[in-house]
């Protein structure tokens, strides 16, 4: 009698599986990458896996409040990534960890993260921009049906597959136009499945989605996209500050702007707000945006 087939994982279940690192030894972990047809590992995955490794080497009462990372080499999705954690410091209130991601015997990525116990203190934030609510915007299914045929093949491939994060951009102009637009974006984002109710996992998933759409914003002013075959684009570094916890149970507004592009690099800043307007996290990233040599 044949055994029933195991149901395929949803995209969100696959992400959670990807973030559940295997412990090899004290301070040493191994992670794998899902087969999504990409030639290199998505940067947000490496950030999130490195953060998971760091979190597993701190006391449970210490929560990440910031991370700073550098991408050194493209990750190979065909082989595991080894994450080596260095316990830099444990103080009365803060702890610091450094993580190096290794493939083929070489470092491909490094992350430094700081963790803090819960403390009371001064509290203020900038207001969330006044934008349409996600229910008033075109969903991904509508976008695919109405606009995908008009977009370049890489964009169709990117939007056409199941992903653990759903997007609702306030404006679709840059997806269908070559016009030079202001280098800023407001995008509603949410996970496509439930996230466990624990802060380390929620922080890792937030770090994962924070790497999405950022680099593209630095190209809006030039009428280009990271999907353009004439553009060579790659993340160089990524920093993130976790201001307030979130359960990731609803839409978040990801506001982005690119204050500068020069020297074949584009810099983008981002803020993540929950639906009520609470500022959850801030992000900054610089990426390579270079015209290919044959252009």
Protein backbone atom coordinates (compact mmCIF):
# COMPACT_ATOMS: atom_id res chain seq x y z
CA UNK A 1 0.00 0.00 0.00
CA UNK A 2 1.50 3.32 -1.07
CA UNK A 3 2.14 6.01 1.50
CA UNK A 4 0.31 9.35 1.13
CA UNK A 5 2.44 12.12 -0.31
CA UNK A 6 3.76 14.71 2.11
CA UNK A 7 2.13 18.07 1.31
CA UNK A 8 4.51 20.57 -0.21
CA UNK A 9 5.59 23.38 2.11
CA UNK A 10 4.07 26.80 1.57
CA UNK A 11 6.51 29.62 0.80
CA UNK A 12 6.25 30.83 4.40
CA UNK A 13 6.78 27.35 5.81
CA UNK A 14 9.83 27.01 3.57
CA UNK A 15 11.24 30.28 4.89
CA UNK A 16 10.82 29.17 8.50
CA UNK A 17 12.48 25.85 7.61
CA UNK A 18 15.36 27.74 5.97
CA UNK A 19 15.83 29.83 9.12
CA UNK A 20 15.95 26.78 11.39
CA UNK A 21 19.71 26.29 11.30
CA UNK A 22 21.45 23.02 12.13
CA UNK A 23 23.84 23.24 15.07
CA UNK A 24 27.18 21.63 14.18
CA UNK A 25 29.15 22.56 17.26
CA UNK A 26 29.18 25.30 19.88
CA UNK A 27 29.01 28.64 18.00
CA UNK A 28 28.87 26.85 14.65
CA UNK A 29 25.74 26.41 12.51
CA UNK A 30 24.78 25.29 9.02
CA UNK A 31 21.99 26.60 6.80
CA UNK A 32 20.67 25.62 3.39
CA UNK A 33 18.95 27.55 0.60
CA UNK A 34 15.66 26.74 -1.15
CA UNK A 35 15.71 25.99 -4.86
CA UNK A 36 14.03 29.05 -6.37
CA UNK A 37 15.98 29.15 -9.64
CA UNK A 38 18.33 31.98 -8.65
CA UNK A 39 22.04 31.86 -9.40
CA UNK A 40 22.93 33.35 -6.03
CA UNK A 41 21.48 33.28 -2.54
CA UNK A 42 19.05 36.10 -1.72
CA UNK A 43 20.80 38.57 0.56
CA UNK A 44 17.89 38.79 2.98
CA UNK A 45 18.17 35.06 3.60
CA UNK A 46 21.84 35.33 4.58
CA UNK A 47 21.13 38.30 6.86
CA UNK A 48 18.30 36.42 8.56
CA UNK A 49 20.21 33.15 8.93
CA UNK A 50 23.24 34.98 10.38
CA UNK A 51 20.95 36.75 12.84
CA UNK A 52 19.43 33.41 13.86
CA UNK A 53 22.94 32.05 14.50
CA UNK A 54 23.81 35.09 16.63
CA UNK A 55 20.52 34.87 18.56
CA UNK A 56 21.20 31.24 19.45
CA UNK A 57 24.40 32.36 21.16
CA UNK A 58 22.91 34.98 23.51
CA UNK A 59 20.80 34.74 26.66
CA UNK A 60 17.03 34.63 25.95
CA UNK A 61 16.43 37.90 27.82
CA UNK A 62 18.61 39.81 25.31
CA UNK A 63 16.93 40.96 22.12
CA UNK A 64 18.55 42.31 18.97
CA UNK A 65 18.40 46.08 18.65
CA UNK A 66 20.81 46.59 15.74
CA UNK A 67 22.83 44.77 13.12
CA UNK A 68 25.45 45.84 10.61
CA UNK A 69 26.50 43.54 7.78
CA UNK A 70 28.64 43.31 4.64
CA UNK A 71 28.22 41.17 1.56
CA UNK A 72 31.62 39.98 0.29
CA UNK A 73 30.90 37.26 -2.27
CA UNK A 74 27.71 35.92 -3.88
CA UNK A 75 26.27 32.93 -2.05
CA UNK A 76 26.00 29.60 -3.87
CA UNK A 77 22.44 28.22 -3.40
CA UNK A 78 23.57 24.70 -4.32
CA UNK A 79 25.62 24.10 -1.15
CA UNK A 80 25.11 24.80 2.58
CA UNK A 81 26.36 27.96 4.28
CA UNK A 82 28.33 27.61 7.52
CA UNK A 83 27.81 30.36 10.12
CA UNK A 84 30.57 30.86 12.68
CA UNK A 85 29.65 32.97 15.71
CA UNK A 86 32.17 34.91 17.81
CA UNK A 87 31.02 35.98 21.27
CA UNK A 88 32.57 39.44 21.37
CA UNK A 89 31.16 40.77 24.66
CA UNK A 90 28.57 40.13 27.35
CA UNK A 91 27.89 43.14 29.56
CA UNK A 92 25.31 43.93 32.21
CA UNK A 93 22.83 45.31 29.64
CA UNK A 94 24.26 44.60 26.18
CA UNK A 95 25.81 41.67 24.34
CA UNK A 96 27.67 41.73 21.02
CA UNK A 97 28.08 38.90 18.53
CA UNK A 98 29.93 38.67 15.24
CA UNK A 99 28.97 36.11 12.58
CA UNK A 100 30.90 35.08 9.47
CA UNK A 101 29.15 33.10 6.73
CA UNK A 102 31.46 30.67 4.89
CA UNK A 103 31.20 28.77 1.59
CA UNK A 104 33.94 27.01 -0.39
CA UNK A 105 36.32 27.85 2.47
CA UNK A 106 35.86 31.63 2.05
CA UNK A 107 33.88 34.29 3.86
CA UNK A 108 30.89 35.44 1.81
CA UNK A 109 29.22 37.65 4.44
CA UNK A 110 29.77 39.10 7.90
CA UNK A 111 27.35 40.45 10.48
CA UNK A 112 27.76 42.20 13.80
CA UNK A 113 24.70 42.36 16.04
CA UNK A 114 24.03 44.00 19.39
CA UNK A 115 21.52 42.68 21.91
CA UNK A 116 19.97 44.40 24.93
CA UNK A 117 17.82 43.54 27.92
CA UNK A 118 14.38 45.22 28.13
CA UNK A 119 14.70 48.76 29.49
CA UNK A 120 12.42 51.77 29.88
CA UNK A 121 13.56 55.12 28.49
CA UNK A 122 12.73 58.15 26.37
CA UNK A 123 10.26 57.40 23.59
CA UNK A 124 9.51 59.31 20.38
CA UNK A 125 9.28 58.62 16.66
CA UNK A 126 8.58 60.27 13.33
CA UNK A 127 5.01 59.96 12.08
CA UNK A 128 4.12 57.43 9.42
CA UNK A 129 3.38 58.99 6.00
CA UNK A 130 -0.28 59.41 5.07
CA UNK A 131 -0.79 56.84 2.31
CA UNK A 132 -3.72 54.70 1.10
CA UNK A 133 -4.43 51.61 3.18
CA UNK A 134 -3.50 48.25 1.59
CA UNK A 135 -7.15 47.30 1.04
CA UNK A 136 -7.45 50.23 -1.40
CA UNK A 137 -4.48 49.10 -3.49
CA UNK A 138 -3.99 46.59 -6.27
CA UNK A 139 -2.96 43.17 -4.97
CA UNK A 140 -0.33 40.93 -6.50
CA UNK A 141 -2.94 38.76 -8.23
CA UNK A 142 -4.45 41.83 -9.92
CA UNK A 143 -1.01 43.15 -10.78
CA UNK A 144 -0.08 39.88 -12.45
CA UNK A 145 -3.32 39.75 -14.40
CA UNK A 146 -3.39 43.37 -15.60
CA UNK A 147 0.23 44.46 -15.90
CA UNK A 148 2.62 41.52 -15.93
CA UNK A 149 2.44 41.00 -19.70
CA UNK A 150 3.73 44.56 -20.18
CA UNK A 151 6.78 44.12 -17.98
CA UNK A 152 10.25 42.70 -18.80
CA UNK A 153 10.71 38.95 -18.47
CA UNK A 154 12.82 39.17 -15.25
CA UNK A 155 10.02 41.17 -13.59
CA UNK A 156 7.44 38.59 -14.70
CA UNK A 157 9.57 35.80 -13.26
CA UNK A 158 10.09 37.67 -9.97
CA UNK A 159 6.41 38.47 -9.43
CA UNK A 160 5.10 35.21 -10.87
CA UNK A 161 6.33 32.79 -8.20
CA UNK A 162 5.04 32.10 -4.70
CA UNK A 163 6.95 34.02 -2.04
CA UNK A 164 6.80 34.26 1.76
CA UNK A 165 6.22 38.03 1.55
CA UNK A 166 3.42 39.84 -0.28
CA UNK A 167 3.78 43.41 -1.58
CA UNK A 168 1.32 46.20 -2.34
CA UNK A 169 3.20 49.23 -3.70
CA UNK A 170 1.33 52.53 -3.30
CA UNK A 171 2.48 53.40 -6.84
CA UNK A 172 3.07 50.97 -9.72
CA UNK A 173 4.62 53.60 -12.02
CA UNK A 174 8.21 52.38 -11.82
CA UNK A 175 7.20 48.83 -12.74
CA UNK A 176 5.70 49.82 -16.10
CA UNK A 177 7.44 53.09 -17.00
CA UNK A 178 10.95 54.14 -18.10
CA UNK A 179 10.29 57.65 -16.80
CA UNK A 180 12.78 59.11 -14.34
CA UNK A 181 10.91 59.23 -11.04
CA UNK A 182 11.61 60.53 -7.55
CA UNK A 183 13.83 58.01 -5.69
CA UNK A 184 11.28 57.12 -3.05
CA UNK A 185 8.67 54.43 -2.47
CA UNK A 186 5.91 53.44 -0.08
CA UNK A 187 5.19 49.70 -0.09
CA UNK A 188 2.85 47.70 2.12
CA UNK A 189 4.35 44.30 2.98
CA UNK A 190 3.15 41.28 4.95
CA UNK A 191 4.05 37.63 5.34
CA UNK A 192 1.93 35.15 3.40
CA UNK A 193 1.61 32.80 6.37
CA UNK A 194 1.75 32.85 10.18
CA UNK A 195 5.01 33.62 11.98
CA UNK A 196 5.69 31.91 15.34
CA UNK A 197 4.97 34.08 18.36
CA UNK A 198 8.55 34.46 19.55
CA UNK A 199 10.72 37.54 19.19
CA UNK A 200 13.87 35.91 17.75
CA UNK A 201 11.93 34.38 14.84
CA UNK A 202 9.97 37.58 14.26
CA UNK A 203 13.18 39.61 14.18
CA UNK A 204 14.76 37.18 11.69
CA UNK A 205 11.75 37.30 9.36
CA UNK A 206 11.71 41.10 9.59
CA UNK A 207 15.40 41.16 8.67
CA UNK A 208 14.66 38.86 5.72
CA UNK A 209 11.97 41.08 4.25
CA UNK A 210 13.94 44.28 4.95
CA UNK A 211 16.29 43.44 2.06
CA UNK A 212 13.45 43.38 -0.47
CA UNK A 213 12.87 46.29 -2.93
CA UNK A 214 15.48 48.58 -1.29
CA UNK A 215 18.12 48.59 -4.01
CA UNK A 216 15.55 49.23 -6.73
CA UNK A 217 14.61 52.57 -5.15
CA UNK A 218 18.08 53.98 -5.87
CA UNK A 219 17.47 53.44 -9.61
CA UNK A 220 14.08 55.20 -9.88
CA UNK A 221 15.73 58.56 -10.55
CA UNK A 222 17.41 57.04 -13.62
CA UNK A 223 14.36 55.34 -15.11
CA UNK A 224 15.90 51.93 -14.48
CA UNK A 225 15.27 48.78 -12.47
CA UNK A 226 17.53 46.13 -10.95
CA UNK A 227 15.89 43.75 -13.43
CA UNK A 228 17.32 45.67 -16.41
CA UNK A 229 19.88 43.58 -18.34
CA UNK A 230 21.98 46.74 -18.73
CA UNK A 231 22.38 47.11 -14.95
CA UNK A 232 24.68 45.19 -12.65
CA UNK A 233 23.22 45.41 -9.13
CA UNK A 234 24.18 43.80 -5.83
CA UNK A 235 23.89 44.64 -2.14
CA UNK A 236 27.14 45.77 -0.54
CA UNK A 237 26.08 46.34 3.06
CA UNK A 238 22.92 46.33 5.16
CA UNK A 239 22.22 47.89 8.54
CA UNK A 240 19.07 47.62 10.62
CA UNK A 241 17.80 49.01 13.91
CA UNK A 242 14.95 47.23 15.73
CA UNK A 243 13.00 49.87 17.65
CA UNK A 244 9.89 48.04 18.83
CA UNK A 245 8.78 44.38 18.57
CA UNK A 246 6.06 43.31 16.13
CA UNK A 247 4.20 40.04 15.72
CA UNK A 248 4.08 40.35 11.90
CA UNK A 249 0.37 39.52 11.94
CA UNK A 250 -0.71 42.37 9.65
CA UNK A 251 0.54 44.69 6.92
CA UNK A 252 3.63 46.84 7.51
CA UNK A 253 4.35 50.04 5.57
CA UNK A 254 7.91 50.09 4.19
CA UNK A 255 8.83 53.68 3.32
CA UNK A 256 12.04 54.08 1.31
CA UNK A 257 14.13 56.89 -0.15
CA UNK A 258 17.50 57.09 -1.84
CA UNK A 259 19.37 60.27 -0.85
CA UNK A 260 22.37 59.61 -3.10
CA UNK A 261 23.84 57.59 -5.95
CA UNK A 262 27.46 58.09 -6.99
CA UNK A 263 30.62 56.12 -7.70
CA UNK A 264 28.57 53.16 -9.06
CA UNK A 265 26.83 52.87 -5.66
CA UNK A 266 23.30 53.71 -4.56
CA UNK A 267 22.30 54.35 -0.96
CA UNK A 268 18.75 53.75 0.30
CA UNK A 269 17.07 54.29 3.66
CA UNK A 270 13.91 52.57 4.88
CA UNK A 271 11.43 52.72 7.74
CA UNK A 272 8.99 49.97 8.70
CA UNK A 273 5.72 50.98 10.40
CA UNK A 274 2.90 48.79 11.61
CA UNK A 275 -0.69 49.55 10.60
CA UNK A 276 -1.25 51.73 13.70
CA UNK A 277 1.69 53.96 12.73
CA UNK A 278 4.21 52.59 15.23
CA UNK A 279 7.78 52.71 13.91
CA UNK A 280 9.07 49.13 14.11
CA UNK A 281 12.51 49.32 12.49
CA UNK A 282 14.86 51.47 10.42
CA UNK A 283 17.07 50.21 7.60
CA UNK A 284 19.98 51.53 5.54
CA UNK A 285 21.66 49.86 2.60
CA UNK A 286 24.27 50.67 -0.01
CA UNK A 287 24.42 48.65 -3.18
CA UNK A 288 26.37 48.36 -6.39
CA UNK A 289 24.44 49.92 -9.32
CA UNK A 290 26.72 49.84 -12.34
CA UNK A 291 26.11 49.93 -16.07
CA UNK A 292 27.47 46.76 -17.61
CA UNK A 293 30.74 47.11 -19.49
CA UNK A 294 29.23 46.44 -22.94
CA UNK A 295 26.75 49.30 -22.60
